[in-house]
Amino acid sequence: MGNVYRFVEPVVLLLLKKKGRSYGYDLSSDLQDFALTDAEIERAALYRTLRQLEGNGNVRSEWETDKAGPARRVYRLTAKGERHLEEWATVLDNLSKSMARFVKDTRATLRK
């Protein structure tokens, strides 16, 4: 299977929408439950995606230092990030329909 890196982004956006705010380790534990492919999502891809989303204004982060233990970066979705998640939902819906047509056509062709 080809590079599926870009499909990490909608999963991260969805998890942040569901959780409200979260830190990387917590997000990484839920990634596979929402993965769009069978490929394992590596933790490095998660952090790379979070940095990219923050750079684009879709996610904001801040250091949480008021809890016991080491400081950790907490992420939350911005309004722009919610709009981007909606865009992903549209793109993935269209892709899903295209893939279903492809599979149906392929199976019909193979039966001939």
Protein backbone atom coordinates (compact mmCIF):
# COMPACT_ATOMS: atom_id res chain seq x y z
CA MET A 1 0.00 0.00 0.00
CA GLY A 2 1.20 3.51 -0.76
CA ASN A 3 1.89 6.35 1.62
CA VAL A 4 -1.07 6.87 3.96
CA TYR A 5 0.51 9.66 6.02
CA ARG A 6 -2.06 12.25 5.03
CA PHE A 7 -4.89 10.21 6.49
CA VAL A 8 -3.49 10.79 9.96
CA GLU A 9 -4.70 14.39 9.80
CA PRO A 10 -8.47 13.79 9.77
CA VAL A 11 -8.13 11.23 12.55
CA VAL A 12 -6.24 13.70 14.76
CA LEU A 13 -8.78 16.44 14.02
CA LEU A 14 -11.67 14.11 14.91
CA LEU A 15 -10.02 12.96 18.15
CA LEU A 16 -9.41 16.55 19.23
CA LYS A 17 -13.02 17.45 18.44
CA LYS A 18 -14.26 14.49 20.48
CA LYS A 19 -11.90 15.06 23.43
CA GLY A 20 -11.94 18.86 23.53
CA ARG A 21 -8.31 19.02 24.56
CA SER A 22 -5.70 16.34 24.81
CA TYR A 23 -1.99 15.66 24.84
CA GLY A 24 0.00 13.62 22.35
CA TYR A 25 0.35 10.43 24.38
CA ASP A 26 -3.39 10.31 25.03
CA LEU A 27 -4.13 10.87 21.33
CA SER A 28 -1.68 8.16 20.33
CA SER A 29 -3.52 5.58 22.43
CA ASP A 30 -6.74 6.19 20.44
CA LEU A 31 -5.29 6.56 16.94
CA GLN A 32 -5.70 2.97 15.83
CA ASP A 33 -9.34 2.88 16.93
CA PHE A 34 -10.13 5.58 14.35
CA ALA A 35 -7.51 4.79 11.69
CA LEU A 36 -8.74 4.96 8.10
CA THR A 37 -6.46 2.18 6.87
CA ASP A 38 -5.00 -1.04 8.23
CA ALA A 39 -1.56 0.56 8.41
CA GLU A 40 -0.33 1.36 11.89
CA ILE A 41 -0.09 5.07 12.63
CA GLU A 42 3.32 5.75 14.09
CA ARG A 43 3.71 8.15 16.98
CA ALA A 44 6.18 10.22 14.93
CA ALA A 45 3.46 10.77 12.30
CA LEU A 46 1.10 11.94 15.03
CA TYR A 47 3.52 14.56 16.36
CA ARG A 48 4.48 15.66 12.85
CA THR A 49 0.80 16.10 12.04
CA LEU A 50 0.12 18.03 15.25
CA ARG A 51 2.97 20.44 14.46
CA GLN A 52 1.68 20.89 10.91
CA LEU A 53 -1.88 21.48 12.09
CA GLU A 54 -0.67 24.01 14.62
CA GLY A 55 1.42 25.77 12.00
CA ASN A 56 -1.68 26.06 9.80
CA GLY A 57 -3.82 27.44 12.63
CA ASN A 58 -6.05 24.35 12.88
CA VAL A 59 -4.78 23.39 16.34
CA ARG A 60 -3.49 25.35 19.31
CA SER A 61 -1.25 24.04 22.04
CA GLU A 62 -0.07 25.17 25.42
CA TRP A 63 2.15 23.71 28.09
CA GLU A 64 0.32 22.23 31.04
CA THR A 65 2.51 22.70 34.10
CA ASP A 66 0.00 22.72 36.95
CA LYS A 67 -0.23 18.93 37.30
CA ALA A 68 2.14 16.56 39.05
CA GLY A 69 4.89 15.19 36.84
CA PRO A 70 6.63 16.74 33.87
CA ALA A 71 5.04 19.51 31.84
CA ARG A 72 3.17 18.32 28.79
CA ARG A 73 1.84 20.01 25.69
CA VAL A 74 -1.96 20.03 25.48
CA TYR A 75 -3.66 20.48 22.11
CA ARG A 76 -7.11 21.74 21.18
CA LEU A 77 -8.95 22.28 17.94
CA THR A 78 -9.52 25.84 16.73
CA ALA A 79 -12.58 27.07 14.82
CA LYS A 80 -10.47 26.88 11.67
CA GLY A 81 -9.62 23.28 12.60
CA GLU A 82 -13.31 22.42 12.91
CA ARG A 83 -13.92 23.79 9.41
CA HIS A 84 -10.94 21.77 8.17
CA LEU A 85 -12.42 18.63 9.77
CA GLU A 86 -15.67 19.30 7.90
CA GLU A 87 -13.69 19.63 4.66
CA TRP A 88 -12.03 16.28 5.38
CA ALA A 89 -15.46 14.70 5.98
CA THR A 90 -16.57 15.89 2.54
CA VAL A 91 -13.38 14.69 0.84
CA LEU A 92 -13.51 11.30 2.54
CA ASP A 93 -17.21 10.89 1.76
CA ASN A 94 -16.48 11.50 -1.93
CA LEU A 95 -13.48 9.16 -1.79
CA SER A 96 -15.57 6.48 -0.11
CA LYS A 97 -18.18 6.64 -2.88
CA SER A 98 -15.49 6.52 -5.57
CA MET A 99 -13.83 3.54 -3.92
CA ALA A 100 -17.14 1.69 -3.63
CA ARG A 101 -17.76 2.24 -7.36
CA PHE A 102 -14.25 1.03 -8.14
CA VAL A 103 -14.64 -2.14 -6.08
CA LYS A 104 -18.06 -2.88 -7.58
CA ASP A 105 -16.73 -2.40 -11.14
CA THR A 106 -13.60 -4.45 -10.42
CA ARG A 107 -15.58 -7.38 -9.03
CA ALA A 108 -18.02 -7.28 -11.94
CA THR A 109 -15.12 -7.24 -14.40
CA LEU A 110 -13.36 -10.13 -12.68
CA ARG A 111 -16.51 -12.27 -12.81
CA LYS A 112 -16.64 -12.02 -16.63
